[in-house]
Amino acid sequence: MAKGHRSQIKRERNAQKDTRPSAKLSYARVSVQKACFVLDAIRGKDVQTALGIVTYSPRYASSLIKKLLESAIANAENNNNMSRDNLYIEECYANKGPTMKRVKPRAQGRAYRIEKRTSHITIVLNER
């Protein structure tokens, strides 16, 4: 039998939760490698600098990451009562999502597989 009452177990589990503000984008239609180019550029920077980088980056992933970063900033301001001026990007990473497999017809009746990769992008902020 489990230790303690159900409410006690839930209390202990919730006490271990991460309280840092974050935002997650699941099933983004961009590969992990392409998302990491942009994420590596903004990791460890303050949010104003990071917003400037993703705004003027020519990559497709930067538009997704900009929207995600703005969401994480809003979460920090509204849920955690943090000041926007003191925020910086503590963690940002992209994990592999499911891959959609498609078929492209080729010469002489052959078929080549096309893999449309997805990723799960996470941004975690903190205060300086």
N, C-alpha and C. Protein backbone atom coordinates (compact mmCIF):
# COMPACT_ATOMS: atom_id res chain seq x y z
N MET A 1 0.84 -1.19 0.00
CA MET A 1 0.00 0.00 0.00
C MET A 1 0.88 1.24 0.00
N ALA A 2 0.40 2.31 -0.62
CA ALA A 2 1.18 3.55 -0.74
C ALA A 2 1.33 4.24 0.61
N LYS A 3 2.41 4.99 0.75
CA LYS A 3 2.63 5.70 2.02
C LYS A 3 1.76 6.93 2.09
N GLY A 4 1.06 7.10 3.18
CA GLY A 4 0.25 8.29 3.40
C GLY A 4 -1.05 8.30 2.63
N HIS A 5 -1.79 9.34 2.87
CA HIS A 5 -3.09 9.53 2.22
C HIS A 5 -2.89 10.14 0.84
N ARG A 6 -3.87 10.01 -0.02
CA ARG A 6 -3.77 10.52 -1.39
C ARG A 6 -3.48 12.01 -1.41
N SER A 7 -4.13 12.78 -0.53
CA SER A 7 -3.91 14.23 -0.50
C SER A 7 -2.48 14.56 -0.05
N GLN A 8 -1.93 13.75 0.85
CA GLN A 8 -0.55 13.96 1.30
C GLN A 8 0.43 13.69 0.17
N ILE A 9 0.17 12.65 -0.60
CA ILE A 9 1.04 12.31 -1.73
C ILE A 9 1.00 13.43 -2.76
N LYS A 10 -0.20 13.97 -3.04
CA LYS A 10 -0.33 15.08 -3.99
C LYS A 10 0.39 16.32 -3.50
N ARG A 11 0.29 16.60 -2.20
CA ARG A 11 0.96 17.77 -1.62
C ARG A 11 2.47 17.67 -1.80
N GLU A 12 3.02 16.47 -1.54
CA GLU A 12 4.46 16.26 -1.69
C GLU A 12 4.89 16.41 -3.15
N ARG A 13 4.08 15.90 -4.07
CA ARG A 13 4.41 15.99 -5.49
C ARG A 13 4.39 17.44 -5.96
N ASN A 14 3.39 18.21 -5.49
CA ASN A 14 3.28 19.61 -5.89
C ASN A 14 4.37 20.47 -5.27
N ALA A 15 4.89 20.07 -4.12
CA ALA A 15 5.96 20.83 -3.47
C ALA A 15 7.26 20.74 -4.26
N GLN A 16 7.42 19.68 -5.04
CA GLN A 16 8.64 19.48 -5.81
C GLN A 16 8.57 20.12 -7.20
N LYS A 17 7.45 20.76 -7.54
CA LYS A 17 7.29 21.34 -8.87
C LYS A 17 8.21 22.53 -9.08
N ASP A 18 8.61 22.73 -10.33
CA ASP A 18 9.46 23.85 -10.72
C ASP A 18 8.60 25.11 -10.80
N THR A 19 8.99 26.17 -10.09
CA THR A 19 8.17 27.39 -10.07
C THR A 19 8.67 28.45 -11.04
N ARG A 20 9.70 28.13 -11.81
CA ARG A 20 10.20 29.11 -12.77
C ARG A 20 9.20 29.27 -13.90
N PRO A 21 9.04 30.50 -14.41
CA PRO A 21 8.10 30.70 -15.52
C PRO A 21 8.64 30.07 -16.80
N SER A 22 7.76 29.43 -17.54
CA SER A 22 8.20 28.77 -18.76
C SER A 22 7.06 28.75 -19.78
N ALA A 23 7.41 28.37 -20.99
CA ALA A 23 6.42 28.17 -22.05
C ALA A 23 6.91 27.03 -22.92
N LYS A 24 5.97 26.24 -23.42
CA LYS A 24 6.33 25.09 -24.24
C LYS A 24 5.48 25.05 -25.50
N LEU A 25 6.12 24.81 -26.61
CA LEU A 25 5.43 24.65 -27.89
C LEU A 25 5.61 23.20 -28.33
N SER A 26 4.51 22.46 -28.41
CA SER A 26 4.58 21.06 -28.80
C SER A 26 4.22 20.92 -30.28
N TYR A 27 4.82 19.95 -30.90
CA TYR A 27 4.55 19.59 -32.31
C TYR A 27 4.82 20.75 -33.26
N ALA A 28 5.89 21.50 -33.04
CA ALA A 28 6.26 22.58 -33.95
C ALA A 28 6.78 21.97 -35.24
N ARG A 29 6.35 22.48 -36.37
CA ARG A 29 6.74 21.91 -37.66
C ARG A 29 8.11 22.44 -38.10
N VAL A 30 9.10 22.18 -37.29
CA VAL A 30 10.48 22.53 -37.61
C VAL A 30 11.36 21.46 -36.97
N SER A 31 12.46 21.11 -37.62
CA SER A 31 13.31 20.06 -37.07
C SER A 31 14.08 20.60 -35.86
N VAL A 32 14.56 19.69 -35.04
CA VAL A 32 15.28 20.06 -33.83
C VAL A 32 16.56 20.83 -34.17
N GLN A 33 17.28 20.37 -35.20
CA GLN A 33 18.53 21.04 -35.60
C GLN A 33 18.29 22.49 -35.98
N LYS A 34 17.24 22.74 -36.74
CA LYS A 34 16.97 24.10 -37.21
C LYS A 34 16.50 25.00 -36.07
N ALA A 35 15.74 24.42 -35.12
CA ALA A 35 15.30 25.20 -33.96
C ALA A 35 16.49 25.53 -33.05
N CYS A 36 17.44 24.60 -32.93
CA CYS A 36 18.58 24.80 -32.03
C CYS A 36 19.51 25.91 -32.51
N PHE A 37 19.56 26.20 -33.80
CA PHE A 37 20.36 27.33 -34.28
C PHE A 37 19.92 28.62 -33.61
N VAL A 38 18.62 28.83 -33.54
CA VAL A 38 18.07 30.04 -32.93
C VAL A 38 18.17 29.97 -31.40
N LEU A 39 17.88 28.82 -30.82
CA LEU A 39 17.92 28.68 -29.37
C LEU A 39 19.33 28.88 -28.81
N ASP A 40 20.34 28.41 -29.54
CA ASP A 40 21.72 28.61 -29.10
C ASP A 40 22.10 30.08 -29.09
N ALA A 41 21.50 30.85 -29.99
CA ALA A 41 21.82 32.28 -30.08
C ALA A 41 21.24 33.08 -28.92
N ILE A 42 20.13 32.61 -28.32
CA ILE A 42 19.48 33.39 -27.27
C ILE A 42 19.70 32.85 -25.86
N ARG A 43 20.29 31.66 -25.74
CA ARG A 43 20.46 31.03 -24.42
C ARG A 43 21.33 31.90 -23.51
N GLY A 44 20.83 32.19 -22.29
CA GLY A 44 21.58 32.96 -21.30
C GLY A 44 21.44 34.47 -21.43
N LYS A 45 20.79 34.95 -22.48
CA LYS A 45 20.64 36.40 -22.70
C LYS A 45 19.43 36.93 -21.92
N ASP A 46 19.42 38.24 -21.69
CA ASP A 46 18.22 38.83 -21.09
C ASP A 46 17.13 38.90 -22.16
N VAL A 47 15.88 39.04 -21.73
CA VAL A 47 14.76 38.88 -22.66
C VAL A 47 14.71 39.97 -23.72
N GLN A 48 15.13 41.19 -23.40
CA GLN A 48 15.11 42.27 -24.40
C GLN A 48 16.08 41.97 -25.54
N THR A 49 17.29 41.53 -25.20
CA THR A 49 18.28 41.16 -26.21
C THR A 49 17.79 39.97 -27.03
N ALA A 50 17.22 38.98 -26.35
CA ALA A 50 16.74 37.78 -27.04
C ALA A 50 15.61 38.11 -28.01
N LEU A 51 14.70 39.01 -27.60
CA LEU A 51 13.62 39.42 -28.51
C LEU A 51 14.18 40.12 -29.74
N GLY A 52 15.21 40.93 -29.55
CA GLY A 52 15.85 41.59 -30.69
C GLY A 52 16.48 40.59 -31.64
N ILE A 53 17.12 39.56 -31.08
CA ILE A 53 17.78 38.55 -31.92
C ILE A 53 16.76 37.78 -32.75
N VAL A 54 15.67 37.31 -32.09
CA VAL A 54 14.70 36.49 -32.84
C VAL A 54 13.86 37.34 -33.80
N THR A 55 13.70 38.63 -33.51
CA THR A 55 12.92 39.49 -34.40
C THR A 55 13.63 39.65 -35.75
N TYR A 56 14.95 39.80 -35.72
CA TYR A 56 15.69 40.07 -36.95
C TYR A 56 16.43 38.86 -37.51
N SER A 57 16.18 37.69 -36.95
CA SER A 57 16.79 36.48 -37.49
C SER A 57 16.00 36.03 -38.73
N PRO A 58 16.67 35.66 -39.81
CA PRO A 58 15.95 35.29 -41.03
C PRO A 58 15.37 33.87 -41.02
N ARG A 59 15.66 33.09 -40.02
CA ARG A 59 15.22 31.69 -39.99
C ARG A 59 13.74 31.56 -39.67
N TYR A 60 13.11 30.51 -40.19
CA TYR A 60 11.69 30.27 -39.95
C TYR A 60 11.42 29.98 -38.47
N ALA A 61 12.33 29.26 -37.82
CA ALA A 61 12.14 28.88 -36.42
C ALA A 61 12.10 30.10 -35.51
N SER A 62 12.73 31.20 -35.92
CA SER A 62 12.78 32.38 -35.06
C SER A 62 11.40 33.00 -34.86
N SER A 63 10.52 32.88 -35.84
CA SER A 63 9.16 33.41 -35.68
C SER A 63 8.38 32.60 -34.63
N LEU A 64 8.58 31.28 -34.63
CA LEU A 64 7.93 30.43 -33.63
C LEU A 64 8.49 30.70 -32.24
N ILE A 65 9.81 30.85 -32.16
CA ILE A 65 10.47 31.06 -30.87
C ILE A 65 10.16 32.44 -30.32
N LYS A 66 9.97 33.43 -31.19
CA LYS A 66 9.61 34.77 -30.72
C LYS A 66 8.25 34.74 -30.02
N LYS A 67 7.29 34.07 -30.64
CA LYS A 67 5.96 33.96 -30.06
C LYS A 67 6.01 33.21 -28.72
N LEU A 68 6.82 32.16 -28.67
CA LEU A 68 6.97 31.37 -27.45
C LEU A 68 7.64 32.16 -26.34
N LEU A 69 8.64 32.97 -26.70
CA LEU A 69 9.34 33.80 -25.73
C LEU A 69 8.41 34.87 -25.15
N GLU A 70 7.59 35.47 -26.00
CA GLU A 70 6.63 36.46 -25.52
C GLU A 70 5.61 35.82 -24.56
N SER A 71 5.25 34.58 -24.84
CA SER A 71 4.33 33.86 -23.96
C SER A 71 4.98 33.58 -22.60
N ALA A 72 6.26 33.20 -22.61
CA ALA A 72 6.97 32.93 -21.35
C ALA A 72 7.12 34.21 -20.53
N ILE A 73 7.35 35.34 -21.20
CA ILE A 73 7.46 36.63 -20.50
C ILE A 73 6.12 36.99 -19.86
N ALA A 74 5.03 36.79 -20.60
CA ALA A 74 3.70 37.07 -20.07
C ALA A 74 3.38 36.17 -18.87
N ASN A 75 3.80 34.91 -18.94
CA ASN A 75 3.60 33.99 -17.81
C ASN A 75 4.35 34.48 -16.58
N ALA A 76 5.58 34.97 -16.79
CA ALA A 76 6.39 35.46 -15.67
C ALA A 76 5.75 36.68 -15.03
N GLU A 77 5.23 37.59 -15.86
CA GLU A 77 4.64 38.82 -15.33
C GLU A 77 3.30 38.54 -14.62
N ASN A 78 2.45 37.72 -15.22
CA ASN A 78 1.10 37.52 -14.70
C ASN A 78 1.03 36.47 -13.59
N ASN A 79 1.75 35.36 -13.76
CA ASN A 79 1.63 34.26 -12.80
C ASN A 79 2.61 34.36 -11.64
N ASN A 80 3.82 34.90 -11.91
CA ASN A 80 4.87 34.91 -10.89
C ASN A 80 5.19 36.31 -10.38
N ASN A 81 4.52 37.34 -10.90
CA ASN A 81 4.74 38.74 -10.50
C ASN A 81 6.21 39.15 -10.61
N MET A 82 6.86 38.75 -11.71
CA MET A 82 8.26 39.10 -11.93
C MET A 82 8.35 40.33 -12.82
N SER A 83 9.42 41.09 -12.67
CA SER A 83 9.63 42.28 -13.49
C SER A 83 10.26 41.88 -14.82
N ARG A 84 9.77 42.45 -15.90
CA ARG A 84 10.26 42.13 -17.24
C ARG A 84 11.73 42.52 -17.41
N ASP A 85 12.17 43.57 -16.69
CA ASP A 85 13.54 44.07 -16.84
C ASP A 85 14.58 43.12 -16.28
N ASN A 86 14.20 42.30 -15.28
CA ASN A 86 15.17 41.42 -14.62
C ASN A 86 15.19 40.01 -15.18
N LEU A 87 14.35 39.71 -16.17
CA LEU A 87 14.24 38.34 -16.68
C LEU A 87 15.36 38.01 -17.65
N TYR A 88 15.79 36.76 -17.61
CA TYR A 88 16.75 36.25 -18.59
C TYR A 88 16.38 34.80 -18.92
N ILE A 89 16.91 34.30 -20.02
CA ILE A 89 16.60 32.94 -20.46
C ILE A 89 17.56 31.98 -19.77
N GLU A 90 17.03 31.21 -18.83
CA GLU A 90 17.87 30.27 -18.09
C GLU A 90 18.08 28.98 -18.87
N GLU A 91 17.00 28.45 -19.44
CA GLU A 91 17.08 27.23 -20.23
C GLU A 91 16.25 27.40 -21.49
N CYS A 92 16.73 26.85 -22.58
CA CYS A 92 15.91 26.73 -23.78
C CYS A 92 16.42 25.53 -24.56
N TYR A 93 15.51 24.67 -24.95
CA TYR A 93 15.92 23.46 -25.65
C TYR A 93 14.79 22.97 -26.54
N ALA A 94 15.15 22.13 -27.49
CA ALA A 94 14.18 21.52 -28.40
C ALA A 94 14.35 20.01 -28.34
N ASN A 95 13.26 19.31 -28.10
CA ASN A 95 13.27 17.85 -28.09
C ASN A 95 12.58 17.34 -29.34
N LYS A 96 12.94 16.14 -29.73
CA LYS A 96 12.40 15.55 -30.95
C LYS A 96 10.94 15.16 -30.75
N GLY A 97 10.11 15.52 -31.72
CA GLY A 97 8.70 15.13 -31.73
C GLY A 97 8.48 14.02 -32.74
N PRO A 98 7.24 13.65 -32.97
CA PRO A 98 6.96 12.60 -33.95
C PRO A 98 7.27 13.05 -35.37
N THR A 99 7.67 12.12 -36.20
CA THR A 99 8.01 12.41 -37.59
C THR A 99 6.89 11.90 -38.50
N MET A 100 6.40 12.79 -39.37
CA MET A 100 5.38 12.38 -40.34
C MET A 100 6.10 11.82 -41.56
N LYS A 101 5.70 10.63 -41.99
CA LYS A 101 6.36 10.00 -43.13
C LYS A 101 5.47 10.16 -44.36
N ARG A 102 6.06 10.68 -45.41
CA ARG A 102 5.35 10.88 -46.68
C ARG A 102 6.15 10.19 -47.79
N VAL A 103 5.50 9.97 -48.93
CA VAL A 103 6.15 9.30 -50.04
C VAL A 103 6.16 10.23 -51.24
N LYS A 104 7.32 10.31 -51.90
CA LYS A 104 7.46 11.13 -53.10
C LYS A 104 7.77 10.20 -54.27
N PRO A 105 6.97 10.28 -55.33
CA PRO A 105 7.24 9.42 -56.50
C PRO A 105 8.52 9.85 -57.21
N ARG A 106 9.30 8.87 -57.64
CA ARG A 106 10.55 9.12 -58.36
C ARG A 106 10.52 8.37 -59.68
N ALA A 107 11.63 8.44 -60.38
CA ALA A 107 11.71 7.85 -61.72
C ALA A 107 11.58 6.33 -61.68
N GLN A 108 11.03 5.78 -62.75
CA GLN A 108 10.90 4.34 -62.98
C GLN A 108 10.08 3.64 -61.89
N GLY A 109 9.05 4.31 -61.41
CA GLY A 109 8.12 3.70 -60.47
C GLY A 109 8.61 3.58 -59.05
N ARG A 110 9.76 4.15 -58.75
CA ARG A 110 10.27 4.08 -57.38
C ARG A 110 9.57 5.13 -56.50
N ALA A 111 9.73 4.97 -55.20
CA ALA A 111 9.16 5.93 -54.24
C ALA A 111 10.21 6.23 -53.19
N TYR A 112 10.43 7.50 -52.93
CA TYR A 112 11.36 7.93 -51.88
C TYR A 112 10.57 8.42 -50.69
N ARG A 113 11.10 8.15 -49.51
CA ARG A 113 10.44 8.59 -48.28
C ARG A 113 10.85 10.02 -47.96
N ILE A 114 9.85 10.85 -47.64
CA ILE A 114 10.08 12.21 -47.17
C ILE A 114 9.70 12.22 -45.69
N GLU A 115 10.60 12.70 -44.85
CA GLU A 115 10.33 12.77 -43.42
C GLU A 115 10.10 14.21 -43.01
N LYS A 116 8.90 14.49 -42.51
CA LYS A 116 8.56 15.84 -42.04
C LYS A 116 8.68 15.82 -40.53
N ARG A 117 9.76 16.40 -40.04
CA ARG A 117 10.10 16.30 -38.63
C ARG A 117 9.39 17.38 -37.81
N THR A 118 9.09 17.04 -36.55
CA THR A 118 8.51 18.00 -35.62
C THR A 118 9.37 18.06 -34.36
N SER A 119 9.14 19.08 -33.54
CA SER A 119 9.92 19.23 -32.31
C SER A 119 9.05 19.84 -31.22
N HIS A 120 9.49 19.64 -29.98
CA HIS A 120 8.85 20.25 -28.82
C HIS A 120 9.86 21.26 -28.26
N ILE A 121 9.52 22.55 -28.32
CA ILE A 121 10.44 23.62 -27.91
C ILE A 121 10.02 24.15 -26.55
N THR A 122 10.98 24.29 -25.64
CA THR A 122 10.72 24.77 -24.28
C THR A 122 11.64 25.93 -23.95
N ILE A 123 11.08 26.98 -23.34
CA ILE A 123 11.86 28.13 -22.86
C ILE A 123 11.55 28.32 -21.37
N VAL A 124 12.59 28.38 -20.54
CA VAL A 124 12.45 28.60 -19.11
C VAL A 124 13.17 29.90 -18.74
N LEU A 125 12.47 30.80 -18.06
CA LEU A 125 13.04 32.09 -17.66
C LEU A 125 13.36 32.09 -16.17
N ASN A 126 14.14 33.09 -15.77
CA ASN A 126 14.40 33.29 -14.34
C ASN A 126 14.77 34.75 -14.13
N GLU A 127 14.81 35.16 -12.86
CA GLU A 127 15.14 36.55 -12.54
C GLU A 127 16.58 36.67 -12.11
N ARG A 128 17.22 37.77 -12.49
CA ARG A 128 18.60 38.03 -12.05
C ARG A 128 18.58 38.70 -10.70
